[in-house]
C-alpha atoms as a PDB file:
ATOM      1  CA  UNK A   1     190.930 -79.760 -70.929  1.00  0.00           C
ATOM      2  CA  UNK A   2     188.907 -78.559 -68.281  1.00  0.00           C
ATOM      3  CA  UNK A   3     190.160 -78.432 -64.751  1.00  0.00           C
ATOM      4  CA  UNK A   4     187.710 -80.545 -62.603  1.00  0.00           C
ATOM      5  CA  UNK A   5     187.267 -80.434 -58.685  1.00  0.00           C
ATOM      6  CA  UNK A   6     188.460 -83.872 -57.872  1.00  0.00           C
ATOM      7  CA  UNK A   7     185.571 -85.724 -56.005  1.00  0.00           C
ATOM      8  CA  UNK A   8     188.433 -88.010 -54.740  1.00  0.00           C
ATOM      9  CA  UNK A   9     191.493 -89.547 -56.343  1.00  0.00           C
ATOM     10  CA  UNK A  10     190.711 -93.291 -55.280  1.00  0.00           C
ATOM     11  CA  UNK A  11     188.978 -96.007 -57.463  1.00  0.00           C
ATOM     12  CA  UNK A  12     185.663 -95.242 -55.744  1.00  0.00           C
ATOM     13  CA  UNK A  13     186.183 -91.628 -56.752  1.00  0.00           C
ATOM     14  CA  UNK A  14     186.575 -92.398 -60.660  1.00  0.00           C
ATOM     15  CA  UNK A  15     183.326 -95.090 -60.109  1.00  0.00           C
ATOM     16  CA  UNK A  16     181.608 -91.714 -58.989  1.00  0.00           C
ATOM     17  CA  UNK A  17     182.870 -89.589 -61.664  1.00  0.00           C
ATOM     18  CA  UNK A  18     182.147 -92.273 -64.365  1.00  0.00           C
ATOM     19  CA  UNK A  19     178.346 -92.535 -63.299  1.00  0.00           C
ATOM     20  CA  UNK A  20     177.826 -88.714 -62.929  1.00  0.00           C
ATOM     21  CA  UNK A  21     179.084 -88.622 -66.512  1.00  0.00           C
ATOM     22  CA  UNK A  22     176.967 -91.192 -67.659  1.00  0.00           C
ATOM     23  CA  UNK A  23     174.002 -89.309 -66.369  1.00  0.00           C
ATOM     24  CA  UNK A  24     175.076 -86.194 -68.120  1.00  0.00           C
ATOM     25  CA  UNK A  25     175.690 -87.959 -71.609  1.00  0.00           C
ATOM     26  CA  UNK A  26     172.330 -89.618 -71.239  1.00  0.00           C
ATOM     27  CA  UNK A  27     170.768 -86.194 -70.951  1.00  0.00           C
ATOM     28  CA  UNK A  28     172.527 -84.785 -73.776  1.00  0.00           C
ATOM     29  CA  UNK A  29     171.792 -87.574 -76.055  1.00  0.00           C
ATOM     30  CA  UNK A  30     168.301 -87.884 -74.918  1.00  0.00           C
ATOM     31  CA  UNK A  31     167.457 -84.019 -75.121  1.00  0.00           C
ATOM     32  CA  UNK A  32     169.979 -83.026 -78.000  1.00  0.00           C
ATOM     33  CA  UNK A  33     171.665 -80.590 -75.602  1.00  0.00           C
ATOM     34  CA  UNK A  34     175.074 -78.724 -76.597  1.00  0.00           C
ATOM     35  CA  UNK A  35     176.193 -79.215 -73.129  1.00  0.00           C
ATOM     36  CA  UNK A  36     175.477 -80.656 -69.813  1.00  0.00           C
ATOM     37  CA  UNK A  37     177.350 -79.670 -66.595  1.00  0.00           C
ATOM     38  CA  UNK A  38     177.593 -80.501 -62.886  1.00  0.00           C
ATOM     39  CA  UNK A  39     179.156 -78.092 -60.783  1.00  0.00           C
ATOM     40  CA  UNK A  40     179.628 -76.604 -57.359  1.00  0.00           C
ATOM     41  CA  UNK A  41     177.908 -73.588 -56.361  1.00  0.00           C
ATOM     42  CA  UNK A  42     181.185 -72.030 -56.275  1.00  0.00           C
ATOM     43  CA  UNK A  43     181.558 -72.692 -60.006  1.00  0.00           C
ATOM     44  CA  UNK A  44     183.998 -75.555 -59.783  1.00  0.00           C
ATOM     45  CA  UNK A  45     183.317 -78.382 -62.837  1.00  0.00           C
ATOM     46  CA  UNK A  46     182.543 -81.689 -61.270  1.00  0.00           C
ATOM     47  CA  UNK A  47     181.405 -83.360 -64.580  1.00  0.00           C
ATOM     48  CA  UNK A  48     181.014 -82.435 -68.108  1.00  0.00           C
ATOM     49  CA  UNK A  49     179.363 -83.526 -71.184  1.00  0.00           C
ATOM     50  CA  UNK A  50     180.095 -80.847 -73.972  1.00  0.00           C
ATOM     51  CA  UNK A  51     180.777 -80.603 -77.852  1.00  0.00           C
ATOM     52  CA  UNK A  52     181.744 -77.042 -78.147  1.00  0.00           C
ATOM     53  CA  UNK A  53     181.613 -75.258 -74.905  1.00  0.00           C
ATOM     54  CA  UNK A  54     183.958 -74.679 -72.443  1.00  0.00           C
ATOM     55  CA  UNK A  55     182.799 -76.330 -69.164  1.00  0.00           C
ATOM     56  CA  UNK A  56     185.346 -74.457 -66.655  1.00  0.00           C
ATOM     57  CA  UNK A  57     183.204 -71.135 -68.420  1.00  0.00           C
ATOM     58  CA  UNK A  58     179.629 -72.373 -68.278  1.00  0.00           C
ATOM     59  CA  UNK A  59     180.341 -73.525 -64.392  1.00  0.00           C
ATOM     60  CA  UNK A  60     181.632 -69.812 -63.643  1.00  0.00           C
ATOM     61  CA  UNK A  61     178.516 -68.304 -65.261  1.00  0.00           C
ATOM     62  CA  UNK A  62     176.329 -70.638 -63.578  1.00  0.00           C
ATOM     63  CA  UNK A  63     177.412 -69.709 -60.288  1.00  0.00           C
ATOM     64  CA  UNK A  64     177.238 -66.322 -61.071  1.00  0.00           C
ATOM     65  CA  UNK A  65     173.497 -66.835 -62.263  1.00  0.00           C
ATOM     66  CA  UNK A  66     172.813 -68.478 -58.983  1.00  0.00           C
ATOM     67  CA  UNK A  67     173.940 -65.827 -56.902  1.00  0.00           C
ATOM     68  CA  UNK A  68     171.743 -63.326 -58.741  1.00  0.00           C
ATOM     69  CA  UNK A  69     168.746 -65.478 -58.133  1.00  0.00           C
ATOM     70  CA  UNK A  70     169.299 -65.528 -54.511  1.00  0.00           C
ATOM     71  CA  UNK A  71     169.858 -61.915 -54.598  1.00  0.00           C
ATOM     72  CA  UNK A  72     166.311 -61.732 -56.214  1.00  0.00           C
ATOM     73  CA  UNK A  73     164.977 -63.932 -53.696  1.00  0.00           C
ATOM     74  CA  UNK A  74     166.631 -61.617 -51.054  1.00  0.00           C
ATOM     75  CA  UNK A  75     165.844 -58.350 -52.349  1.00  0.00           C
ATOM     76  CA  UNK A  76     162.683 -58.806 -54.514  1.00  0.00           C
ATOM     77  CA  UNK A  77     160.750 -61.311 -52.100  1.00  0.00           C
ATOM     78  CA  UNK A  78     160.990 -63.947 -54.691  1.00  0.00           C
ATOM     79  CA  UNK A  79     160.170 -67.621 -53.294  1.00  0.00           C
ATOM     80  CA  UNK A  80     163.247 -70.304 -53.641  1.00  0.00           C
ATOM     81  CA  UNK A  81     163.925 -70.710 -57.409  1.00  0.00           C
ATOM     82  CA  UNK A  82     164.917 -73.780 -59.036  1.00  0.00           C
ATOM     83  CA  UNK A  83     165.631 -72.565 -62.137  1.00  0.00           C
ATOM     84  CA  UNK A  84     167.125 -69.821 -64.022  1.00  0.00           C
ATOM     85  CA  UNK A  85     167.376 -69.443 -67.549  1.00  0.00           C
ATOM     86  CA  UNK A  86     169.194 -67.213 -70.078  1.00  0.00           C
ATOM     87  CA  UNK A  87     167.792 -67.300 -73.786  1.00  0.00           C
ATOM     88  CA  UNK A  88     169.673 -65.816 -76.486  1.00  0.00           C
ATOM     89  CA  UNK A  89     168.412 -64.321 -79.873  1.00  0.00           C
ATOM     90  CA  UNK A  90     168.876 -67.659 -81.624  1.00  0.00           C
ATOM     91  CA  UNK A  91     166.671 -69.194 -78.749  1.00  0.00           C
ATOM     92  CA  UNK A  92     169.282 -71.233 -77.664  1.00  0.00           C
ATOM     93  CA  UNK A  93     168.901 -71.448 -73.555  1.00  0.00           C
ATOM     94  CA  UNK A  94     171.242 -71.709 -70.697  1.00  0.00           C
ATOM     95  CA  UNK A  95     169.373 -73.724 -67.930  1.00  0.00           C
ATOM     96  CA  UNK A  96     171.035 -73.528 -64.732  1.00  0.00           C
ATOM     97  CA  UNK A  97     169.124 -75.698 -61.739  1.00  0.00           C
ATOM     98  CA  UNK A  98     170.462 -75.506 -58.271  1.00  0.00           C
ATOM     99  CA  UNK A  99     170.031 -78.323 -55.930  1.00  0.00           C
ATOM    100  CA  UNK A 100     171.070 -79.657 -52.478  1.00  0.00           C
ATOM    101  CA  UNK A 101     172.610 -82.881 -51.807  1.00  0.00           C
ATOM    102  CA  UNK A 102     173.204 -83.480 -48.221  1.00  0.00           C
ATOM    103  CA  UNK A 103     174.946 -80.174 -46.971  1.00  0.00           C
ATOM    104  CA  UNK A 104     176.346 -78.883 -50.332  1.00  0.00           C
ATOM    105  CA  UNK A 105     174.542 -77.327 -53.253  1.00  0.00           C
ATOM    106  CA  UNK A 106     175.090 -78.321 -56.739  1.00  0.00           C
ATOM    107  CA  UNK A 107     174.040 -76.712 -60.190  1.00  0.00           C
ATOM    108  CA  UNK A 108     173.205 -78.745 -63.371  1.00  0.00           C
ATOM    109  CA  UNK A 109     173.654 -76.666 -66.190  1.00  0.00           C
ATOM    110  CA  UNK A 110     172.552 -77.381 -69.605  1.00  0.00           C
ATOM    111  CA  UNK A 111     172.720 -75.601 -72.866  1.00  0.00           C
ATOM    112  CA  UNK A 112     169.442 -76.523 -74.897  1.00  0.00           C
ATOM    113  CA  UNK A 113     168.706 -75.675 -78.570  1.00  0.00           C
ATOM    114  CA  UNK A 114     166.031 -73.947 -80.051  1.00  0.00           C
ATOM    115  CA  UNK A 115     162.531 -75.281 -79.338  1.00  0.00           C
ATOM    116  CA  UNK A 116     163.418 -78.301 -77.303  1.00  0.00           C
ATOM    117  CA  UNK A 117     161.982 -79.445 -73.881  1.00  0.00           C
ATOM    118  CA  UNK A 118     164.362 -79.869 -71.073  1.00  0.00           C
ATOM    119  CA  UNK A 119     162.583 -79.943 -67.780  1.00  0.00           C
ATOM    120  CA  UNK A 120     161.517 -83.686 -67.435  1.00  0.00           C
ATOM    121  CA  UNK A 121     165.065 -84.487 -68.346  1.00  0.00           C
ATOM    122  CA  UNK A 122     166.576 -82.341 -65.952  1.00  0.00           C
ATOM    123  CA  UNK A 123     164.414 -83.482 -63.277  1.00  0.00           C
ATOM    124  CA  UNK A 124     165.392 -86.854 -63.672  1.00  0.00           C
ATOM    125  CA  UNK A 125     169.051 -85.817 -64.130  1.00  0.00           C
ATOM    126  CA  UNK A 126     168.581 -84.307 -60.694  1.00  0.00           C
ATOM    127  CA  UNK A 127     167.205 -87.501 -59.043  1.00  0.00           C
ATOM    128  CA  UNK A 128     169.909 -89.619 -60.540  1.00  0.00           C
ATOM    129  CA  UNK A 129     172.558 -87.257 -59.286  1.00  0.00           C
ATOM    130  CA  UNK A 130     170.969 -87.255 -56.015  1.00  0.00           C
ATOM    131  CA  UNK A 131     170.713 -90.974 -55.791  1.00  0.00           C
ATOM    132  CA  UNK A 132     174.241 -91.206 -57.158  1.00  0.00           C
ATOM    133  CA  UNK A 133     175.516 -89.287 -54.050  1.00  0.00           C
ATOM    134  CA  UNK A 134     173.385 -90.798 -51.518  1.00  0.00           C
ATOM    135  CA  UNK A 135     174.439 -94.048 -52.514  1.00  0.00           C
ATOM    136  CA  UNK A 136     178.080 -92.721 -52.004  1.00  0.00           C
ATOM    137  CA  UNK A 137     177.172 -91.329 -48.606  1.00  0.00           C
ATOM    138  CA  UNK A 138     175.868 -94.789 -47.529  1.00  0.00           C
ATOM    139  CA  UNK A 139     178.518 -96.342 -48.767  1.00  0.00           C
ATOM    140  CA  UNK A 140     180.913 -94.488 -46.425  1.00  0.00           C
ATOM    141  CA  UNK A 141     178.683 -94.844 -43.644  1.00  0.00           C
ATOM    142  CA  UNK A 142     178.834 -98.661 -44.085  1.00  0.00           C
ATOM    143  CA  UNK A 143     182.476 -98.486 -44.254  1.00  0.00           C
ATOM    144  CA  UNK A 144     182.660 -96.146 -40.933  1.00  0.00           C
ATOM    145  CA  UNK A 145     180.428 -98.845 -39.192  1.00  0.00           C
ATOM    146  CA  UNK A 146     182.862-101.747 -40.152  1.00  0.00           C
ATOM    147  CA  UNK A 147     186.056-100.074 -38.956  1.00  0.00           C
END
């Protein structure tokens, strides 16, 4: 069982969780991925769909990978990187894609089997996740206006 950072304990939070889980489930199925995890830049798993991998460990590793990419940007002069991937001897790939939503940074991480494509699917997933958080933000604004 994974420890997930709670988004909100109300029904609205559960609805958000279901929507995020659905995006990751779709990405896993369409891409044949072994795992899909959404985490904070601090390494906390928010949503995960996995068959054999520990999403807590992958979230922590993803956070470390993103820190390495920021150091490469700072010390080597790389421009902002939107993807870092690690490939093992069997050609499995751990792909970490960092993206902003409002004032927060999130990491979408997927475990991709050998010789499978992933870029288009992760682009679509990131757009869908951004929309989910934007809808949540807009709903909160409307609720505040009503009060």
